[in-house]
Amino acid sequence: MNQKSAAAANVGRAGEEIAAKYLTRNGYQILAKNLRLSHKEIDLVAQKAGEIILVEVKTARFDSPVLPEEQLSSAKIRQLKQALVLYCREYRQPPTIVRCDLLAISINQTAKMAKVKHFKNIF
């Protein structure tokens, strides 16, 4: 792994940790992290008020020209829809109680600051 991709991986991991803490502080229970279903991955699976939430986390540095929520491509949305179907089948959950959220995190690792935007039910 080159230095640039290692730095991006570190930012991504930090974003996922921030996302899990954010959800926990807001009354969600984390059920799984980096859950693999077939060849799909779900960053976080959470639960709140009887609802299952599949969470996609997108993280960018504060100085990035691209906002983290702008990193969610149509291809990734298709993959998330497929992951939702696989999750419902694998865990025998009715699709009516499962939704997909996006947590967009802007991060400044040096100052140890982050801004979280929570987009609910993204499709």
PDB file of N, CA and C in Angstrom:
ATOM      1  N   MET A   1       0.861  -1.177   0.000  1.00  0.00           N
ATOM      2  CA  MET A   1       0.000   0.000   0.000  1.00  0.00           C
ATOM      3  C   MET A   1       0.897   1.227   0.000  1.00  0.00           C
ATOM      4  N   ASN A   2       0.640   2.145  -0.926  1.00  0.00           N
ATOM      5  CA  ASN A   2       1.474   3.339  -0.967  1.00  0.00           C
ATOM      6  C   ASN A   2       1.054   4.320   0.129  1.00  0.00           C
ATOM      7  N   GLN A   3       1.864   5.353   0.305  1.00  0.00           N
ATOM      8  CA  GLN A   3       1.654   6.300   1.396  1.00  0.00           C
ATOM      9  C   GLN A   3       0.312   7.023   1.288  1.00  0.00           C
ATOM     10  N   LYS A   4      -0.073   7.381   0.066  1.00  0.00           N
ATOM     11  CA  LYS A   4      -1.333   8.105  -0.149  1.00  0.00           C
ATOM     12  C   LYS A   4      -2.537   7.227   0.199  1.00  0.00           C
ATOM     13  N   SER A   5      -2.543   5.970  -0.258  1.00  0.00           N
ATOM     14  CA  SER A   5      -3.675   5.098   0.040  1.00  0.00           C
ATOM     15  C   SER A   5      -3.701   4.697   1.517  1.00  0.00           C
ATOM     16  N   ALA A   6      -2.538   4.602   2.149  1.00  0.00           N
ATOM     17  CA  ALA A   6      -2.493   4.321   3.584  1.00  0.00           C
ATOM     18  C   ALA A   6      -3.088   5.488   4.371  1.00  0.00           C
ATOM     19  N   ALA A   7      -2.788   6.702   3.959  1.00  0.00           N
ATOM     20  CA  ALA A   7      -3.355   7.884   4.623  1.00  0.00           C
ATOM     21  C   ALA A   7      -4.868   7.923   4.439  1.00  0.00           C
ATOM     22  N   ALA A   8      -5.349   7.601   3.247  1.00  0.00           N
ATOM     23  CA  ALA A   8      -6.790   7.574   2.988  1.00  0.00           C
ATOM     24  C   ALA A   8      -7.474   6.496   3.832  1.00  0.00           C
ATOM     25  N   ALA A   9      -6.829   5.346   3.969  1.00  0.00           N
ATOM     26  CA  ALA A   9      -7.379   4.268   4.793  1.00  0.00           C
ATOM     27  C   ALA A   9      -7.474   4.713   6.249  1.00  0.00           C
ATOM     28  N   ASN A  10      -6.458   5.431   6.731  1.00  0.00           N
ATOM     29  CA  ASN A  10      -6.482   5.936   8.105  1.00  0.00           C
ATOM     30  C   ASN A  10      -7.627   6.914   8.313  1.00  0.00           C
ATOM     31  N   VAL A  11      -7.854   7.790   7.349  1.00  0.00           N
ATOM     32  CA  VAL A  11      -8.964   8.743   7.427  1.00  0.00           C
ATOM     33  C   VAL A  11     -10.286   7.978   7.447  1.00  0.00           C
ATOM     34  N   GLY A  12     -10.405   6.981   6.600  1.00  0.00           N
ATOM     35  CA  GLY A  12     -11.629   6.169   6.553  1.00  0.00           C
ATOM     36  C   GLY A  12     -11.901   5.445   7.852  1.00  0.00           C
ATOM     37  N   ARG A  13     -10.860   4.841   8.431  1.00  0.00           N
ATOM     38  CA  ARG A  13     -11.021   4.146   9.720  1.00  0.00           C
ATOM     39  C   ARG A  13     -11.418   5.124  10.819  1.00  0.00           C
ATOM     40  N   ALA A  14     -10.763   6.284  10.828  1.00  0.00           N
ATOM     41  CA  ALA A  14     -11.104   7.303  11.825  1.00  0.00           C
ATOM     42  C   ALA A  14     -12.560   7.734  11.664  1.00  0.00           C
ATOM     43  N   GLY A  15     -13.002   7.906  10.426  1.00  0.00           N
ATOM     44  CA  GLY A  15     -14.391   8.274  10.170  1.00  0.00           C
ATOM     45  C   GLY A  15     -15.372   7.231  10.680  1.00  0.00           C
ATOM     46  N   GLU A  16     -15.056   5.966  10.489  1.00  0.00           N
ATOM     47  CA  GLU A  16     -15.940   4.903  10.959  1.00  0.00           C
ATOM     48  C   GLU A  16     -16.002   4.876  12.483  1.00  0.00           C
ATOM     49  N   GLU A  17     -14.887   5.137  13.145  1.00  0.00           N
ATOM     50  CA  GLU A  17     -14.885   5.205  14.613  1.00  0.00           C
ATOM     51  C   GLU A  17     -15.735   6.383  15.097  1.00  0.00           C
ATOM     52  N   ILE A  18     -15.581   7.525  14.460  1.00  0.00           N
ATOM     53  CA  ILE A  18     -16.375   8.711  14.810  1.00  0.00           C
ATOM     54  C   ILE A  18     -17.855   8.424  14.580  1.00  0.00           C
ATOM     55  N   ALA A  19     -18.180   7.773  13.469  1.00  0.00           N
ATOM     56  CA  ALA A  19     -19.571   7.444  13.148  1.00  0.00           C
ATOM     57  C   ALA A  19     -20.179   6.541  14.227  1.00  0.00           C
ATOM     58  N   ALA A  20     -19.451   5.520  14.640  1.00  0.00           N
ATOM     59  CA  ALA A  20     -19.958   4.605  15.667  1.00  0.00           C
ATOM     60  C   ALA A  20     -20.204   5.353  16.980  1.00  0.00           C
ATOM     61  N   LYS A  21     -19.289   6.226  17.361  1.00  0.00           N
ATOM     62  CA  LYS A  21     -19.470   7.013  18.594  1.00  0.00           C
ATOM     63  C   LYS A  21     -20.659   7.955  18.469  1.00  0.00           C
ATOM     64  N   TYR A  22     -20.802   8.595  17.316  1.00  0.00           N
ATOM     65  CA  TYR A  22     -21.926   9.501  17.073  1.00  0.00           C
ATOM     66  C   TYR A  22     -23.250   8.751  17.230  1.00  0.00           C
ATOM     67  N   LEU A  23     -23.352   7.593  16.591  1.00  0.00           N
ATOM     68  CA  LEU A  23     -24.586   6.822  16.655  1.00  0.00           C
ATOM     69  C   LEU A  23     -24.889   6.390  18.085  1.00  0.00           C
ATOM     70  N   THR A  24     -23.891   5.914  18.790  1.00  0.00           N
ATOM     71  CA  THR A  24     -24.074   5.477  20.173  1.00  0.00           C
ATOM     72  C   THR A  24     -24.556   6.633  21.042  1.00  0.00           C
ATOM     73  N   ARG A  25     -23.931   7.801  20.880  1.00  0.00           N
ATOM     74  CA  ARG A  25     -24.350   8.980  21.661  1.00  0.00           C
ATOM     75  C   ARG A  25     -25.779   9.404  21.341  1.00  0.00           C
ATOM     76  N   ASN A  26     -26.259   9.044  20.165  1.00  0.00           N
ATOM     77  CA  ASN A  26     -27.607   9.426  19.751  1.00  0.00           C
ATOM     78  C   ASN A  26     -28.621   8.291  19.905  1.00  0.00           C
ATOM     79  N   GLY A  27     -28.310   7.333  20.755  1.00  0.00           N
ATOM     80  CA  GLY A  27     -29.272   6.308  21.123  1.00  0.00           C
ATOM     81  C   GLY A  27     -29.332   5.075  20.244  1.00  0.00           C
ATOM     82  N   TYR A  28     -28.391   4.925  19.320  1.00  0.00           N
ATOM     83  CA  TYR A  28     -28.336   3.741  18.469  1.00  0.00           C
ATOM     84  C   TYR A  28     -27.463   2.687  19.134  1.00  0.00           C
ATOM     85  N   GLN A  29     -27.802   1.439  18.899  1.00  0.00           N
ATOM     86  CA  GLN A  29     -26.963   0.324  19.338  1.00  0.00           C
ATOM     87  C   GLN A  29     -26.218  -0.195  18.108  1.00  0.00           C
ATOM     88  N   ILE A  30     -24.906  -0.311  18.204  1.00  0.00           N
ATOM     89  CA  ILE A  30     -24.114  -0.843  17.095  1.00  0.00           C
ATOM     90  C   ILE A  30     -24.194  -2.366  17.125  1.00  0.00           C
ATOM     91  N   LEU A  31     -24.679  -2.947  16.038  1.00  0.00           N
ATOM     92  CA  LEU A  31     -24.808  -4.399  15.947  1.00  0.00           C
ATOM     93  C   LEU A  31     -23.619  -5.040  15.244  1.00  0.00           C
ATOM     94  N   ALA A  32     -23.028  -4.327  14.281  1.00  0.00           N
ATOM     95  CA  ALA A  32     -21.890  -4.885  13.537  1.00  0.00           C
ATOM     96  C   ALA A  32     -21.101  -3.757  12.883  1.00  0.00           C
ATOM     97  N   LYS A  33     -19.814  -4.031  12.689  1.00  0.00           N
ATOM     98  CA  LYS A  33     -18.938  -3.120  11.963  1.00  0.00           C
ATOM     99  C   LYS A  33     -18.320  -3.883  10.804  1.00  0.00           C
ATOM    100  N   ASN A  34     -18.247  -3.225   9.641  1.00  0.00           N
ATOM    101  CA  ASN A  34     -17.640  -3.813   8.444  1.00  0.00           C
ATOM    102  C   ASN A  34     -18.185  -5.213   8.154  1.00  0.00           C
ATOM    103  N   LEU A  35     -19.496  -5.316   8.121  1.00  0.00           N
ATOM    104  CA  LEU A  35     -20.178  -6.585   7.875  1.00  0.00           C
ATOM    105  C   LEU A  35     -20.098  -6.939   6.397  1.00  0.00           C
ATOM    106  N   ARG A  36     -19.617  -8.145   6.119  1.00  0.00           N
ATOM    107  CA  ARG A  36     -19.527  -8.618   4.741  1.00  0.00           C
ATOM    108  C   ARG A  36     -20.692  -9.550   4.453  1.00  0.00           C
ATOM    109  N   LEU A  37     -21.375  -9.262   3.344  1.00  0.00           N
ATOM    110  CA  LEU A  37     -22.450 -10.110   2.848  1.00  0.00           C
ATOM    111  C   LEU A  37     -22.143 -10.368   1.378  1.00  0.00           C
ATOM    112  N   SER A  38     -21.809 -11.609   1.072  1.00  0.00           N
ATOM    113  CA  SER A  38     -21.368 -11.944  -0.275  1.00  0.00           C
ATOM    114  C   SER A  38     -20.151 -11.060  -0.579  1.00  0.00           C
ATOM    115  N   HIS A  39     -20.176 -10.298  -1.641  1.00  0.00           N
ATOM    116  CA  HIS A  39     -19.046  -9.415  -1.952  1.00  0.00           C
ATOM    117  C   HIS A  39     -19.377  -7.953  -1.625  1.00  0.00           C
ATOM    118  N   LYS A  40     -20.396  -7.743  -0.796  1.00  0.00           N
ATOM    119  CA  LYS A  40     -20.792  -6.396  -0.380  1.00  0.00           C
ATOM    120  C   LYS A  40     -20.332  -6.162   1.052  1.00  0.00           C
ATOM    121  N   GLU A  41     -20.043  -4.914   1.373  1.00  0.00           N
ATOM    122  CA  GLU A  41     -19.668  -4.583   2.746  1.00  0.00           C
ATOM    123  C   GLU A  41     -20.547  -3.448   3.246  1.00  0.00           C
ATOM    124  N   ILE A  42     -20.998  -3.606   4.477  1.00  0.00           N
ATOM    125  CA  ILE A  42     -21.770  -2.570   5.158  1.00  0.00           C
ATOM    126  C   ILE A  42     -20.874  -2.025   6.259  1.00  0.00           C
ATOM    127  N   ASP A  43     -20.641  -0.709   6.247  1.00  0.00           N
ATOM    128  CA  ASP A  43     -19.722  -0.110   7.223  1.00  0.00           C
ATOM    129  C   ASP A  43     -20.191  -0.349   8.650  1.00  0.00           C
ATOM    130  N   LEU A  44     -21.444   0.006   8.942  1.00  0.00           N
ATOM    131  CA  LEU A  44     -21.995  -0.179  10.281  1.00  0.00           C
ATOM    132  C   LEU A  44     -23.431  -0.665  10.168  1.00  0.00           C
ATOM    133  N   VAL A  45     -23.813  -1.518  11.098  1.00  0.00           N
ATOM    134  CA  VAL A  45     -25.205  -1.912  11.239  1.00  0.00           C
ATOM    135  C   VAL A  45     -25.608  -1.479  12.645  1.00  0.00           C
ATOM    136  N   ALA A  46     -26.674  -0.697  12.719  1.00  0.00           N
ATOM    137  CA  ALA A  46     -27.131  -0.175  14.000  1.00  0.00           C
ATOM    138  C   ALA A  46     -28.617  -0.474  14.171  1.00  0.00           C
ATOM    139  N   GLN A  47     -29.088  -0.280  15.402  1.00  0.00           N
ATOM    140  CA  GLN A  47     -30.497  -0.477  15.690  1.00  0.00           C
ATOM    141  C   GLN A  47     -30.963   0.635  16.608  1.00  0.00           C
ATOM    142  N   LYS A  48     -32.192   1.109  16.343  1.00  0.00           N
ATOM    143  CA  LYS A  48     -32.801   2.107  17.212  1.00  0.00           C
ATOM    144  C   LYS A  48     -34.312   2.002  17.061  1.00  0.00           C
ATOM    145  N   ALA A  49     -34.993   1.954  18.172  1.00  0.00           N
ATOM    146  CA  ALA A  49     -36.458   1.932  18.200  1.00  0.00           C
ATOM    147  C   ALA A  49     -37.037   0.859  17.281  1.00  0.00           C
ATOM    148  N   GLY A  50     -36.464  -0.335  17.313  1.00  0.00           N
ATOM    149  CA  GLY A  50     -36.995  -1.443  16.534  1.00  0.00           C
ATOM    150  C   GLY A  50     -36.662  -1.399  15.053  1.00  0.00           C
ATOM    151  N   GLU A  51     -35.856  -0.446  14.648  1.00  0.00           N
ATOM    152  CA  GLU A  51     -35.488  -0.318  13.241  1.00  0.00           C
ATOM    153  C   GLU A  51     -34.012  -0.680  13.076  1.00  0.00           C
ATOM    154  N   ILE A  52     -33.688  -1.383  12.000  1.00  0.00           N
ATOM    155  CA  ILE A  52     -32.309  -1.733  11.664  1.00  0.00           C
ATOM    156  C   ILE A  52     -31.821  -0.699  10.661  1.00  0.00           C
ATOM    157  N   ILE A  53     -30.630  -0.164  10.897  1.00  0.00           N
ATOM    158  CA  ILE A  53     -30.080   0.858  10.013  1.00  0.00           C
ATOM    159  C   ILE A  53     -28.738   0.382   9.477  1.00  0.00           C
ATOM    160  N   LEU A  54     -28.643   0.280   8.139  1.00  0.00           N
ATOM    161  CA  LEU A  54     -27.374  -0.018   7.488  1.00  0.00           C
ATOM    162  C   LEU A  54     -26.737   1.340   7.202  1.00  0.00           C
ATOM    163  N   VAL A  55     -25.533   1.542   7.688  1.00  0.00           N
ATOM    164  CA  VAL A  55     -24.909   2.859   7.630  1.00  0.00           C
ATOM    165  C   VAL A  55     -23.694   2.840   6.716  1.00  0.00           C
ATOM    166  N   GLU A  56     -23.716   3.719   5.728  1.00  0.00           N
ATOM    167  CA  GLU A  56     -22.556   3.955   4.872  1.00  0.00           C
ATOM    168  C   GLU A  56     -21.845   5.179   5.437  1.00  0.00           C
ATOM    169  N   VAL A  57     -20.542   5.073   5.611  1.00  0.00           N
ATOM    170  CA  VAL A  57     -19.754   6.178   6.153  1.00  0.00           C
ATOM    171  C   VAL A  57     -18.834   6.699   5.057  1.00  0.00           C
ATOM    172  N   LYS A  58     -18.902   7.985   4.806  1.00  0.00           N
ATOM    173  CA  LYS A  58     -18.003   8.652   3.867  1.00  0.00           C
ATOM    174  C   LYS A  58     -17.261   9.731   4.649  1.00  0.00           C
ATOM    175  N   THR A  59     -15.938   9.723   4.522  1.00  0.00           N
ATOM    176  CA  THR A  59     -15.100  10.635   5.292  1.00  0.00           C
ATOM    177  C   THR A  59     -14.174  11.394   4.363  1.00  0.00           C
ATOM    178  N   ALA A  60     -14.004  12.670   4.645  1.00  0.00           N
ATOM    179  CA  ALA A  60     -13.057  13.506   3.898  1.00  0.00           C
ATOM    180  C   ALA A  60     -12.399  14.470   4.880  1.00  0.00           C
ATOM    181  N   ARG A  61     -11.215  14.886   4.524  1.00  0.00           N
ATOM    182  CA  ARG A  61     -10.532  15.896   5.338  1.00  0.00           C
ATOM    183  C   ARG A  61     -11.213  17.243   5.142  1.00  0.00           C
ATOM    184  N   PHE A  62     -11.101  18.117   6.169  1.00  0.00           N
ATOM    185  CA  PHE A  62     -11.676  19.464   6.082  1.00  0.00           C
ATOM    186  C   PHE A  62     -11.197  20.204   4.840  1.00  0.00           C
ATOM    187  N   ASP A  63      -9.934  20.004   4.469  1.00  0.00           N
ATOM    188  CA  ASP A  63      -9.370  20.746   3.343  1.00  0.00           C
ATOM    189  C   ASP A  63      -9.624  20.089   1.985  1.00  0.00           C
ATOM    190  N   SER A  64     -10.406  19.018   1.959  1.00  0.00           N
ATOM    191  CA  SER A  64     -10.706  18.339   0.700  1.00  0.00           C
ATOM    192  C   SER A  64     -11.649  19.191  -0.150  1.00  0.00           C
ATOM    193  N   PRO A  65     -11.405  19.237  -1.465  1.00  0.00           N
ATOM    194  CA  PRO A  65     -12.316  19.995  -2.331  1.00  0.00           C
ATOM    195  C   PRO A  65     -13.666  19.295  -2.534  1.00  0.00           C
ATOM    196  N   VAL A  66     -13.741  18.022  -2.156  1.00  0.00           N
ATOM    197  CA  VAL A  66     -14.964  17.243  -2.319  1.00  0.00           C
ATOM    198  C   VAL A  66     -15.558  16.947  -0.943  1.00  0.00           C
ATOM    199  N   LEU A  67     -16.820  17.282  -0.753  1.00  0.00           N
ATOM    200  CA  LEU A  67     -17.509  16.975   0.499  1.00  0.00           C
ATOM    201  C   LEU A  67     -17.695  15.468   0.621  1.00  0.00           C
ATOM    202  N   PRO A  68     -17.688  14.934   1.828  1.00  0.00           N
ATOM    203  CA  PRO A  68     -17.827  13.479   1.958  1.00  0.00           C
ATOM    204  C   PRO A  68     -19.133  12.944   1.363  1.00  0.00           C
ATOM    205  N   GLU A  69     -20.224  13.692   1.503  1.00  0.00           N
ATOM    206  CA  GLU A  69     -21.493  13.212   0.950  1.00  0.00           C
ATOM    207  C   GLU A  69     -21.485  13.185  -0.572  1.00  0.00           C
ATOM    208  N   GLU A  70     -20.593  13.939  -1.198  1.00  0.00           N
ATOM    209  CA  GLU A  70     -20.469  13.928  -2.658  1.00  0.00           C
ATOM    210  C   GLU A  70     -19.727  12.688  -3.154  1.00  0.00           C
ATOM    211  N   GLN A  71     -19.141  11.929  -2.257  1.00  0.00           N
ATOM    212  CA  GLN A  71     -18.406  10.720  -2.619  1.00  0.00           C
ATOM    213  C   GLN A  71     -19.323   9.513  -2.819  1.00  0.00           C
ATOM    214  N   LEU A  72     -20.596   9.664  -2.491  1.00  0.00           N
ATOM    215  CA  LEU A  72     -21.537   8.555  -2.634  1.00  0.00           C
ATOM    216  C   LEU A  72     -22.005   8.464  -4.087  1.00  0.00           C
ATOM    217  N   SER A  73     -21.466   7.513  -4.813  1.00  0.00           N
ATOM    218  CA  SER A  73     -21.769   7.361  -6.236  1.00  0.00           C
ATOM    219  C   SER A  73     -23.050   6.561  -6.451  1.00  0.00           C
ATOM    220  N   SER A  74     -23.571   6.634  -7.642  1.00  0.00           N
ATOM    221  CA  SER A  74     -24.765   5.849  -7.984  1.00  0.00           C
ATOM    222  C   SER A  74     -24.433   4.349  -7.940  1.00  0.00           C
ATOM    223  N   ALA A  75     -23.211   3.987  -8.293  1.00  0.00           N
ATOM    224  CA  ALA A  75     -22.795   2.576  -8.212  1.00  0.00           C
ATOM    225  C   ALA A  75     -22.807   2.101  -6.758  1.00  0.00           C
ATOM    226  N   LYS A  76     -22.344   2.953  -5.844  1.00  0.00           N
ATOM    227  CA  LYS A  76     -22.339   2.587  -4.430  1.00  0.00           C
ATOM    228  C   LYS A  76     -23.763   2.478  -3.898  1.00  0.00           C
ATOM    229  N   ILE A  77     -24.650   3.345  -4.344  1.00  0.00           N
ATOM    230  CA  ILE A  77     -26.053   3.253  -3.923  1.00  0.00           C
ATOM    231  C   ILE A  77     -26.654   1.928  -4.395  1.00  0.00           C
ATOM    232  N   ARG A  78     -26.345   1.514  -5.624  1.00  0.00           N
ATOM    233  CA  ARG A  78     -26.814   0.208  -6.122  1.00  0.00           C
ATOM    234  C   ARG A  78     -26.291  -0.919  -5.232  1.00  0.00           C
ATOM    235  N   GLN A  79     -25.011  -0.849  -4.874  1.00  0.00           N
ATOM    236  CA  GLN A  79     -24.421  -1.872  -4.001  1.00  0.00           C
ATOM    237  C   GLN A  79     -25.098  -1.892  -2.634  1.00  0.00           C
ATOM    238  N   LEU A  80     -25.416  -0.706  -2.107  1.00  0.00           N
ATOM    239  CA  LEU A  80     -26.091  -0.632  -0.812  1.00  0.00           C
ATOM    240  C   LEU A  80     -27.489  -1.231  -0.881  1.00  0.00           C
ATOM    241  N   LYS A  81     -28.190  -0.993  -1.973  1.00  0.00           N
ATOM    242  CA  LYS A  81     -29.519  -1.587  -2.152  1.00  0.00           C
ATOM    243  C   LYS A  81     -29.415  -3.108  -2.185  1.00  0.00           C
ATOM    244  N   GLN A  82     -28.405  -3.617  -2.884  1.00  0.00           N
ATOM    245  CA  GLN A  82     -28.192  -5.063  -2.943  1.00  0.00           C
ATOM    246  C   GLN A  82     -27.822  -5.600  -1.560  1.00  0.00           C
ATOM    247  N   ALA A  83     -26.991  -4.865  -0.835  1.00  0.00           N
ATOM    248  CA  ALA A  83     -26.602  -5.280   0.517  1.00  0.00           C
ATOM    249  C   ALA A  83     -27.812  -5.313   1.442  1.00  0.00           C
ATOM    250  N   LEU A  84     -28.713  -4.354   1.289  1.00  0.00           N
ATOM    251  CA  LEU A  84     -29.925  -4.325   2.106  1.00  0.00           C
ATOM    252  C   LEU A  84     -30.766  -5.581   1.859  1.00  0.00           C
ATOM    253  N   VAL A  85     -30.921  -5.957   0.603  1.00  0.00           N
ATOM    254  CA  VAL A  85     -31.680  -7.168   0.273  1.00  0.00           C
ATOM    255  C   VAL A  85     -30.992  -8.397   0.871  1.00  0.00           C
ATOM    256  N   LEU A  86     -29.675  -8.488   0.705  1.00  0.00           N
ATOM    257  CA  LEU A  86     -28.917  -9.618   1.271  1.00  0.00           C
ATOM    258  C   LEU A  86     -29.046  -9.660   2.791  1.00  0.00           C
ATOM    259  N   TYR A  87     -28.967  -8.498   3.426  1.00  0.00           N
ATOM    260  CA  TYR A  87     -29.086  -8.434   4.891  1.00  0.00           C
ATOM    261  C   TYR A  87     -30.451  -8.948   5.339  1.00  0.00           C
ATOM    262  N   CYS A  88     -31.503  -8.502   4.677  1.00  0.00           N
ATOM    263  CA  CYS A  88     -32.860  -8.927   5.044  1.00  0.00           C
ATOM    264  C   CYS A  88     -33.015 -10.439   4.915  1.00  0.00           C
ATOM    265  N   ARG A  89     -32.444 -10.999   3.851  1.00  0.00           N
ATOM    266  CA  ARG A  89     -32.510 -12.454   3.651  1.00  0.00           C
ATOM    267  C   ARG A  89     -31.694 -13.191   4.709  1.00  0.00           C
ATOM    268  N   GLU A  90     -30.446 -12.774   4.859  1.00  0.00           N
ATOM    269  CA  GLU A  90     -29.520 -13.469   5.774  1.00  0.00           C
ATOM    270  C   GLU A  90     -29.998 -13.428   7.224  1.00  0.00           C
ATOM    271  N   TYR A  91     -30.519 -12.287   7.651  1.00  0.00           N
ATOM    272  CA  TYR A  91     -30.916 -12.116   9.048  1.00  0.00           C
ATOM    273  C   TYR A  91     -32.429 -12.183   9.251  1.00  0.00           C
ATOM    274  N   ARG A  92     -33.129 -12.605   8.205  1.00  0.00           N
ATOM    275  CA  ARG A  92     -34.576 -12.792   8.259  1.00  0.00           C
ATOM    276  C   ARG A  92     -35.295 -11.573   8.842  1.00  0.00           C
ATOM    277  N   GLN A  93     -34.986 -10.425   8.267  1.00  0.00           N
ATOM    278  CA  GLN A  93     -35.603  -9.178   8.683  1.00  0.00           C
ATOM    279  C   GLN A  93     -36.559  -8.689   7.597  1.00  0.00           C
ATOM    280  N   PRO A  94     -37.742  -8.254   7.977  1.00  0.00           N
ATOM    281  CA  PRO A  94     -38.626  -7.686   6.953  1.00  0.00           C
ATOM    282  C   PRO A  94     -38.066  -6.351   6.469  1.00  0.00           C
ATOM    283  N   PRO A  95     -38.081  -6.111   5.172  1.00  0.00           N
ATOM    284  CA  PRO A  95     -37.507  -4.865   4.639  1.00  0.00           C
ATOM    285  C   PRO A  95     -38.170  -3.607   5.183  1.00  0.00           C
ATOM    286  N   THR A  96     -39.363  -3.737   5.740  1.00  0.00           N
ATOM    287  CA  THR A  96     -40.064  -2.562   6.264  1.00  0.00           C
ATOM    288  C   THR A  96     -39.396  -1.980   7.502  1.00  0.00           C
ATOM    289  N   ILE A  97     -38.535  -2.753   8.177  1.00  0.00           N
ATOM    290  CA  ILE A  97     -37.865  -2.216   9.374  1.00  0.00           C
ATOM    291  C   ILE A  97     -36.375  -1.949   9.129  1.00  0.00           C
ATOM    292  N   VAL A  98     -35.945  -2.035   7.877  1.00  0.00           N
ATOM    293  CA  VAL A  98     -34.532  -1.817   7.553  1.00  0.00           C
ATOM    294  C   VAL A  98     -34.428  -0.590   6.647  1.00  0.00           C
ATOM    295  N   ARG A  99     -33.502   0.305   6.998  1.00  0.00           N
ATOM    296  CA  ARG A  99     -33.265   1.476   6.158  1.00  0.00           C
ATOM    297  C   ARG A  99     -31.759   1.660   5.997  1.00  0.00           C
ATOM    298  N   CYS A 100     -31.392   2.541   5.093  1.00  0.00           N
ATOM    299  CA  CYS A 100     -29.980   2.829   4.858  1.00  0.00           C
ATOM    300  C   CYS A 100     -29.737   4.322   5.069  1.00  0.00           C
ATOM    301  N   ASP A 101     -28.744   4.631   5.901  1.00  0.00           N
ATOM    302  CA  ASP A 101     -28.365   6.014   6.196  1.00  0.00           C
ATOM    303  C   ASP A 101     -26.948   6.275   5.719  1.00  0.00           C
ATOM    304  N   LEU A 102     -26.646   7.552   5.539  1.00  0.00           N
ATOM    305  CA  LEU A 102     -25.291   7.992   5.214  1.00  0.00           C
ATOM    306  C   LEU A 102     -24.807   8.905   6.321  1.00  0.00           C
ATOM    307  N   LEU A 103     -23.615   8.647   6.815  1.00  0.00           N
ATOM    308  CA  LEU A 103     -22.951   9.567   7.728  1.00  0.00           C
ATOM    309  C   LEU A 103     -21.778  10.157   6.971  1.00  0.00           C
ATOM    310  N   ALA A 104     -21.840  11.465   6.743  1.00  0.00           N
ATOM    311  CA  ALA A 104     -20.779  12.188   6.040  1.00  0.00           C
ATOM    312  C   ALA A 104     -19.943  12.901   7.085  1.00  0.00           C
ATOM    313  N   ILE A 105     -18.666  12.578   7.124  1.00  0.00           N
ATOM    314  CA  ILE A 105     -17.796  13.092   8.175  1.00  0.00           C
ATOM    315  C   ILE A 105     -16.653  13.884   7.567  1.00  0.00           C
ATOM    316  N   SER A 106     -16.543  15.123   8.006  1.00  0.00           N
ATOM    317  CA  SER A 106     -15.396  15.976   7.652  1.00  0.00           C
ATOM    318  C   SER A 106     -14.469  15.949   8.855  1.00  0.00           C
ATOM    319  N   ILE A 107     -13.206  15.668   8.588  1.00  0.00           N
ATOM    320  CA  ILE A 107     -12.288  15.402   9.699  1.00  0.00           C
ATOM    321  C   ILE A 107     -11.012  16.230   9.584  1.00  0.00           C
ATOM    322  N   ASN A 108     -10.546  16.677  10.729  1.00  0.00           N
ATOM    323  CA  ASN A 108      -9.239  17.316  10.862  1.00  0.00           C
ATOM    324  C   ASN A 108      -8.509  16.528  11.938  1.00  0.00           C
ATOM    325  N   GLN A 109      -7.698  15.567  11.504  1.00  0.00           N
ATOM    326  CA  GLN A 109      -7.039  14.683  12.466  1.00  0.00           C
ATOM    327  C   GLN A 109      -6.028  15.413  13.324  1.00  0.00           C
ATOM    328  N   THR A 110      -5.370  16.431  12.787  1.00  0.00           N
ATOM    329  CA  THR A 110      -4.371  17.175  13.561  1.00  0.00           C
ATOM    330  C   THR A 110      -5.024  17.865  14.751  1.00  0.00           C
ATOM    331  N   ALA A 111      -6.140  18.531  14.509  1.00  0.00           N
ATOM    332  CA  ALA A 111      -6.844  19.250  15.575  1.00  0.00           C
ATOM    333  C   ALA A 111      -7.813  18.343  16.324  1.00  0.00           C
ATOM    334  N   LYS A 112      -7.920  17.101  15.885  1.00  0.00           N
ATOM    335  CA  LYS A 112      -8.835  16.131  16.488  1.00  0.00           C
ATOM    336  C   LYS A 112     -10.260  16.684  16.532  1.00  0.00           C
ATOM    337  N   MET A 113     -10.702  17.190  15.372  1.00  0.00           N
ATOM    338  CA  MET A 113     -12.047  17.733  15.234  1.00  0.00           C
ATOM    339  C   MET A 113     -12.759  17.017  14.091  1.00  0.00           C
ATOM    340  N   ALA A 114     -14.077  16.917  14.207  1.00  0.00           N
ATOM    341  CA  ALA A 114     -14.865  16.317  13.131  1.00  0.00           C
ATOM    342  C   ALA A 114     -16.251  16.931  13.114  1.00  0.00           C
ATOM    343  N   LYS A 115     -16.816  16.989  11.921  1.00  0.00           N
ATOM    344  CA  LYS A 115     -18.190  17.438  11.730  1.00  0.00           C
ATOM    345  C   LYS A 115     -18.950  16.282  11.097  1.00  0.00           C
ATOM    346  N   VAL A 116     -20.078  15.920  11.687  1.00  0.00           N
ATOM    347  CA  VAL A 116     -20.871  14.796  11.212  1.00  0.00           C
ATOM    348  C   VAL A 116     -22.206  15.296  10.661  1.00  0.00           C
ATOM    349  N   LYS A 117     -22.539  14.835   9.461  1.00  0.00           N
ATOM    350  CA  LYS A 117     -23.865  15.087   8.879  1.00  0.00           C
ATOM    351  C   LYS A 117     -24.532  13.724   8.715  1.00  0.00           C
ATOM    352  N   HIS A 118     -25.755  13.626   9.215  1.00  0.00           N
ATOM    353  CA  HIS A 118     -26.490  12.359   9.187  1.00  0.00           C
ATOM    354  C   HIS A 118     -27.641  12.489   8.192  1.00  0.00           C
ATOM    355  N   PHE A 119     -27.572  11.710   7.123  1.00  0.00           N
ATOM    356  CA  PHE A 119     -28.625  11.672   6.113  1.00  0.00           C
ATOM    357  C   PHE A 119     -29.389  10.363   6.309  1.00  0.00           C
ATOM    358  N   LYS A 120     -30.651  10.468   6.659  1.00  0.00           N
ATOM    359  CA  LYS A 120     -31.454   9.281   6.954  1.00  0.00           C
ATOM    360  C   LYS A 120     -32.216   8.810   5.728  1.00  0.00           C
ATOM    361  N   ASN A 121     -32.347   7.478   5.635  1.00  0.00           N
ATOM    362  CA  ASN A 121     -33.159   6.838   4.604  1.00  0.00           C
ATOM    363  C   ASN A 121     -32.795   7.371   3.209  1.00  0.00           C
ATOM    364  N   ILE A 122     -31.568   7.093   2.781  1.00  0.00           N
ATOM    365  CA  ILE A 122     -31.028   7.727   1.569  1.00  0.00           C
ATOM    366  C   ILE A 122     -31.598   7.179   0.254  1.00  0.00           C
ATOM    367  N   PHE A 123     -32.343   6.099   0.308  1.00  0.00           N
ATOM    368  CA  PHE A 123     -33.035   5.613  -0.903  1.00  0.00           C
ATOM    369  C   PHE A 123     -34.309   4.913  -0.525  1.00  0.00           C
TER     370      PHE A 123
END
